[in-house]
């Protein structure tokens, strides 16, 4: 009789232990699901943050610089200059709004301990872009006394902003890789190609007026010189153009190597 009572008590305790173990497993499973959902949400927010900052700092900002440079490298009428300025101002304004949205997302959703280069450079960029916008609003008229100082300051800040923005996109890709473990090689290559094409167009802007002048010189000299002389001039022009292409290829190679070196440095 006592043996039967002890057996019942043992079975009751065993059922209680089993029930408690199942309850703990259920709680652990629920916590795991919540963790996975949170991680998935965080990855999505990181991607949106990166897309916004690429659109602002990696595309619109360099594009607006290339647009405003056309007013310097080409002879433009008053109406065309106004259109170029409006496109530049509009693209810069959109960049400022997008950067502000991206920064707000970072403050709200991410751990902003500022213990890595991406967050530190991002904070500096956010301050510089607002300072640049303020300086742009205070633009003095052409021919005024402070125009030269304003132009120099605006140009230096714009150049620093563009370079730091591009560097911070690379550091952002590396931070994304470190946080998620996902490969960033494809995105690094695509962004490097984009920057190289922008650099090619930048160099072409400097050479465009020179190329146009060379065409006029060849046209005038063809009426005064012999065929051999004209052929030699054209050969020099072809060699000069080939040299420019080689220089562009070297720029692409340097930028690509820089992206690879940067990736290796941050993964050490």
Protein backbone atom coordinates (compact mmCIF):
# COMPACT_ATOMS: atom_id res chain seq x y z
CA UNK A 1 0.00 0.00 0.00
CA UNK A 2 2.81 2.41 0.90
CA UNK A 3 4.65 1.44 -2.26
CA UNK A 4 1.59 2.29 -4.35
CA UNK A 5 1.25 5.68 -2.61
CA UNK A 6 4.91 6.49 -3.24
CA UNK A 7 4.54 5.51 -6.89
CA UNK A 8 1.58 7.86 -7.30
CA UNK A 9 3.51 10.71 -5.68
CA UNK A 10 6.50 10.03 -7.95
CA UNK A 11 4.32 10.04 -11.08
CA UNK A 12 2.65 13.28 -9.95
CA UNK A 13 6.03 14.97 -9.42
CA UNK A 14 7.26 13.69 -12.78
CA UNK A 15 4.22 15.12 -14.56
CA UNK A 16 4.75 18.48 -12.82
CA UNK A 17 8.42 18.58 -13.85
CA UNK A 18 7.54 17.64 -17.43
CA UNK A 19 4.86 20.33 -17.55
CA UNK A 20 7.28 22.94 -16.21
CA UNK A 21 9.92 21.93 -18.79
CA UNK A 22 7.41 22.22 -21.64
CA UNK A 23 6.33 25.62 -20.35
CA UNK A 24 9.95 26.83 -20.29
CA UNK A 25 10.50 25.55 -23.85
CA UNK A 26 7.39 27.39 -25.01
CA UNK A 27 8.59 30.61 -23.39
CA UNK A 28 12.06 30.18 -24.96
CA UNK A 29 10.48 29.54 -28.38
CA UNK A 30 8.34 32.66 -28.08
CA UNK A 31 11.36 34.74 -27.06
CA UNK A 32 13.31 33.34 -30.02
CA UNK A 33 10.49 34.27 -32.41
CA UNK A 34 10.33 37.80 -30.98
CA UNK A 35 14.13 38.09 -31.34
CA UNK A 36 14.00 36.94 -34.96
CA UNK A 37 11.21 39.40 -35.79
CA UNK A 38 13.15 42.24 -34.14
CA UNK A 39 16.34 41.30 -36.02
CA UNK A 40 14.48 41.16 -39.33
CA UNK A 41 12.94 44.55 -38.65
CA UNK A 42 16.34 45.98 -37.70
CA UNK A 43 17.94 44.70 -40.91
CA UNK A 44 15.13 46.28 -42.94
CA UNK A 45 15.60 49.62 -41.15
CA UNK A 46 19.36 49.48 -41.74
CA UNK A 47 18.77 48.91 -45.45
CA UNK A 48 16.34 51.83 -45.68
CA UNK A 49 18.83 54.03 -43.82
CA UNK A 50 21.60 53.02 -46.23
CA UNK A 51 19.41 53.58 -49.29
CA UNK A 52 18.44 57.07 -48.12
CA UNK A 53 22.00 58.10 -47.37
CA UNK A 54 23.27 56.66 -50.66
CA UNK A 55 20.60 58.62 -52.56
CA UNK A 56 21.57 61.84 -50.76
CA UNK A 57 25.35 61.62 -50.32
CA UNK A 58 26.30 59.14 -53.05
CA UNK A 59 24.09 60.34 -55.90
CA UNK A 60 22.26 63.68 -55.50
CA UNK A 61 25.15 65.54 -53.88
CA UNK A 62 27.78 64.65 -56.55
CA UNK A 63 25.19 65.16 -59.29
CA UNK A 64 24.37 68.67 -58.09
CA UNK A 65 28.10 69.51 -58.11
CA UNK A 66 28.43 68.28 -61.70
CA UNK A 67 25.37 70.33 -62.70
CA UNK A 68 26.64 73.59 -61.22
CA UNK A 69 30.05 73.04 -62.85
CA UNK A 70 28.44 73.28 -66.29
CA UNK A 71 27.89 76.98 -65.62
CA UNK A 72 31.67 77.39 -65.27
CA UNK A 73 32.94 75.08 -68.01
CA UNK A 74 30.46 76.28 -70.65
CA UNK A 75 29.27 79.67 -71.86
CA UNK A 76 25.68 80.02 -70.67
CA UNK A 77 23.06 82.68 -71.11
CA UNK A 78 21.25 84.26 -68.19
CA UNK A 79 18.20 82.02 -68.54
CA UNK A 80 20.27 78.84 -68.72
CA UNK A 81 22.33 79.91 -65.70
CA UNK A 82 19.12 80.38 -63.72
CA UNK A 83 17.91 76.89 -64.67
CA UNK A 84 21.26 75.34 -63.70
CA UNK A 85 21.20 77.15 -60.36
CA UNK A 86 17.62 76.02 -59.63
CA UNK A 87 18.51 72.38 -60.41
CA UNK A 88 21.54 72.64 -58.13
CA UNK A 89 19.56 74.23 -55.30
CA UNK A 90 16.68 71.76 -55.65
CA UNK A 91 18.95 68.69 -55.61
CA UNK A 92 20.83 70.03 -52.58
CA UNK A 93 17.56 70.71 -50.76
CA UNK A 94 16.29 67.20 -51.47
CA UNK A 95 19.65 65.83 -50.24
CA UNK A 96 19.31 67.80 -47.01
CA UNK A 97 15.77 66.50 -46.40
CA UNK A 98 16.76 62.89 -47.15
CA UNK A 99 19.84 63.09 -44.90
CA UNK A 100 17.67 64.48 -42.09
CA UNK A 101 15.23 61.58 -42.47
CA UNK A 102 18.11 59.09 -42.44
CA UNK A 103 19.60 60.72 -39.32
CA UNK A 104 16.21 60.64 -37.57
CA UNK A 105 15.93 56.93 -38.35
CA UNK A 106 19.40 56.37 -36.90
CA UNK A 107 18.60 58.24 -33.68
CA UNK A 108 15.28 56.44 -33.23
CA UNK A 109 16.15 52.86 -34.16
CA UNK A 110 19.91 52.29 -33.83
CA UNK A 111 22.44 52.13 -31.03
CA UNK A 112 24.21 55.48 -31.32
CA UNK A 113 27.20 54.92 -29.05
CA UNK A 114 29.50 56.60 -31.64
CA UNK A 115 32.14 53.93 -31.08
CA UNK A 116 32.81 53.38 -34.81
CA UNK A 117 33.98 55.53 -37.71
CA UNK A 118 30.68 55.35 -39.59
CA UNK A 119 28.70 56.98 -36.79
CA UNK A 120 31.36 59.60 -36.10
CA UNK A 121 31.71 60.61 -39.75
CA UNK A 122 27.93 60.60 -40.08
CA UNK A 123 27.58 63.03 -37.17
CA UNK A 124 30.18 65.35 -38.73
CA UNK A 125 28.44 65.14 -42.10
CA UNK A 126 25.09 66.04 -40.58
CA UNK A 127 26.57 69.20 -39.07
CA UNK A 128 28.46 70.15 -42.25
CA UNK A 129 25.46 69.70 -44.56
CA UNK A 130 23.32 72.06 -42.47
CA UNK A 131 26.17 74.57 -42.30
CA UNK A 132 26.53 74.33 -46.09
CA UNK A 133 22.81 74.94 -46.54
CA UNK A 134 22.99 78.02 -44.30
CA UNK A 135 25.97 79.38 -46.24
CA UNK A 136 24.09 78.75 -49.49
CA UNK A 137 21.15 80.83 -48.24
CA UNK A 138 23.53 83.68 -47.35
CA UNK A 139 24.97 83.81 -50.90
CA UNK A 140 26.02 87.36 -51.77
CA UNK A 141 25.38 88.82 -55.22
CA UNK A 142 27.98 88.56 -57.97
CA UNK A 143 30.49 91.38 -57.85
CA UNK A 144 29.90 92.15 -54.18
CA UNK A 145 32.78 92.47 -51.73
CA UNK A 146 32.35 89.17 -49.89
CA UNK A 147 31.57 87.05 -52.94
CA UNK A 148 35.10 85.59 -53.28
CA UNK A 149 35.32 84.55 -49.62
CA UNK A 150 31.83 83.07 -49.77
CA UNK A 151 32.61 81.12 -52.94
CA UNK A 152 35.85 79.71 -51.47
CA UNK A 153 34.08 78.61 -48.25
CA UNK A 154 31.13 77.13 -50.12
CA UNK A 155 33.41 75.25 -52.51
CA UNK A 156 35.64 73.84 -49.72
CA UNK A 157 32.68 72.69 -47.63
CA UNK A 158 30.96 71.18 -50.67
CA UNK A 159 34.09 69.27 -51.68
CA UNK A 160 34.68 68.01 -48.12
CA UNK A 161 31.02 67.03 -47.83
CA UNK A 162 31.08 65.05 -51.08
CA UNK A 163 34.32 63.20 -50.25
CA UNK A 164 33.29 62.40 -46.67
CA UNK A 165 29.87 61.28 -47.87
CA UNK A 166 31.41 58.80 -50.30
CA UNK A 167 33.84 57.50 -47.67
CA UNK A 168 31.00 57.10 -45.17
CA UNK A 169 29.00 55.02 -47.63
CA UNK A 170 31.90 52.56 -47.73
CA UNK A 171 32.13 52.55 -43.93
CA UNK A 172 28.36 52.06 -43.78
CA UNK A 173 28.60 49.01 -46.00
CA UNK A 174 31.28 47.59 -43.72
CA UNK A 175 29.16 48.31 -40.63
CA UNK A 176 26.24 46.52 -42.30
CA UNK A 177 28.49 43.52 -42.99
CA UNK A 178 29.72 43.43 -39.40
CA UNK A 179 26.19 43.67 -37.99
CA UNK A 180 24.45 41.18 -40.29
CA UNK A 181 27.26 39.00 -41.64
CA UNK A 182 25.93 39.49 -45.18
CA UNK A 183 28.28 39.95 -48.13
CA UNK A 184 28.80 43.51 -49.37
CA UNK A 185 31.18 42.78 -52.26
CA UNK A 186 28.57 43.30 -54.99
CA UNK A 187 27.33 46.59 -53.52
CA UNK A 188 30.91 47.80 -53.04
CA UNK A 189 31.76 47.05 -56.69
CA UNK A 190 28.56 48.71 -57.99
CA UNK A 191 29.12 51.83 -55.91
CA UNK A 192 32.77 51.98 -57.01
CA UNK A 193 31.68 51.80 -60.67
CA UNK A 194 29.16 54.60 -60.08
CA UNK A 195 31.77 56.85 -58.44
CA UNK A 196 34.24 56.10 -61.22
CA UNK A 197 31.69 57.13 -63.87
CA UNK A 198 30.99 60.36 -61.97
CA UNK A 199 34.75 60.99 -61.78
CA UNK A 200 35.03 60.35 -65.54
CA UNK A 201 32.31 62.90 -66.24
CA UNK A 202 34.00 65.35 -63.86
CA UNK A 203 37.27 65.05 -65.80
CA UNK A 204 35.43 65.29 -69.11
CA UNK A 205 33.89 68.60 -68.02
CA UNK A 206 37.36 70.09 -67.60
CA UNK A 207 38.42 68.90 -71.06
CA UNK A 208 35.23 69.77 -72.95
CA UNK A 209 36.07 73.42 -73.65
CA UNK A 210 39.61 72.40 -74.61
CA UNK A 211 38.27 69.77 -77.02
CA UNK A 212 35.94 72.31 -78.63
CA UNK A 213 38.81 74.78 -79.06
CA UNK A 214 40.99 72.09 -80.60
CA UNK A 215 38.26 71.42 -83.16
CA UNK A 216 38.24 75.10 -84.20
CA UNK A 217 42.03 75.19 -84.39
CA UNK A 218 42.08 72.14 -86.64
CA UNK A 219 39.43 73.69 -88.87
CA UNK A 220 41.39 76.91 -89.30
CA UNK A 221 44.73 75.22 -89.86
CA UNK A 222 43.31 72.87 -92.48
CA UNK A 223 42.89 75.87 -94.79
CA UNK A 224 46.43 77.13 -94.23
CA UNK A 225 48.62 74.07 -93.83
CA UNK A 226 49.30 70.95 -95.79
CA UNK A 227 47.57 67.61 -95.40
CA UNK A 228 50.56 66.16 -93.57
CA UNK A 229 50.52 68.90 -90.94
CA UNK A 230 46.79 68.43 -90.35
CA UNK A 231 47.30 64.69 -90.07
CA UNK A 232 49.98 65.21 -87.44
CA UNK A 233 47.70 67.48 -85.43
CA UNK A 234 44.90 64.95 -85.53
CA UNK A 235 47.33 62.25 -84.44
CA UNK A 236 48.34 64.40 -81.46
CA UNK A 237 44.67 64.93 -80.61
CA UNK A 238 44.02 61.17 -80.75
CA UNK A 239 47.05 60.52 -78.54
CA UNK A 240 45.86 63.19 -76.09
CA UNK A 241 42.39 61.62 -75.98
CA UNK A 242 43.92 58.18 -75.47
CA UNK A 243 45.98 59.59 -72.62
CA UNK A 244 42.80 60.94 -71.04
CA UNK A 245 41.18 57.51 -71.32
CA UNK A 246 44.23 55.92 -69.70
CA UNK A 247 44.04 58.46 -66.91
CA UNK A 248 40.36 57.67 -66.40
CA UNK A 249 41.15 53.96 -66.29
CA UNK A 250 43.79 54.65 -63.65
CA UNK A 251 41.24 56.61 -61.60
CA UNK A 252 38.84 53.67 -61.77
CA UNK A 253 41.62 51.27 -60.77
CA UNK A 254 42.69 53.44 -57.83
CA UNK A 255 39.11 53.82 -56.56
CA UNK A 256 38.48 50.09 -56.93
CA UNK A 257 41.68 49.23 -55.06
CA UNK A 258 40.78 51.76 -52.42
CA UNK A 259 37.41 50.05 -51.86
CA UNK A 260 39.10 46.65 -51.60
CA UNK A 261 41.78 47.96 -49.21
CA UNK A 262 39.14 49.66 -47.13
CA UNK A 263 37.13 46.45 -46.93
CA UNK A 264 40.18 44.44 -45.89
CA UNK A 265 41.19 47.06 -43.32
CA UNK A 266 37.81 47.10 -41.59
CA UNK A 267 37.45 43.32 -41.66
CA UNK A 268 40.81 42.89 -39.81
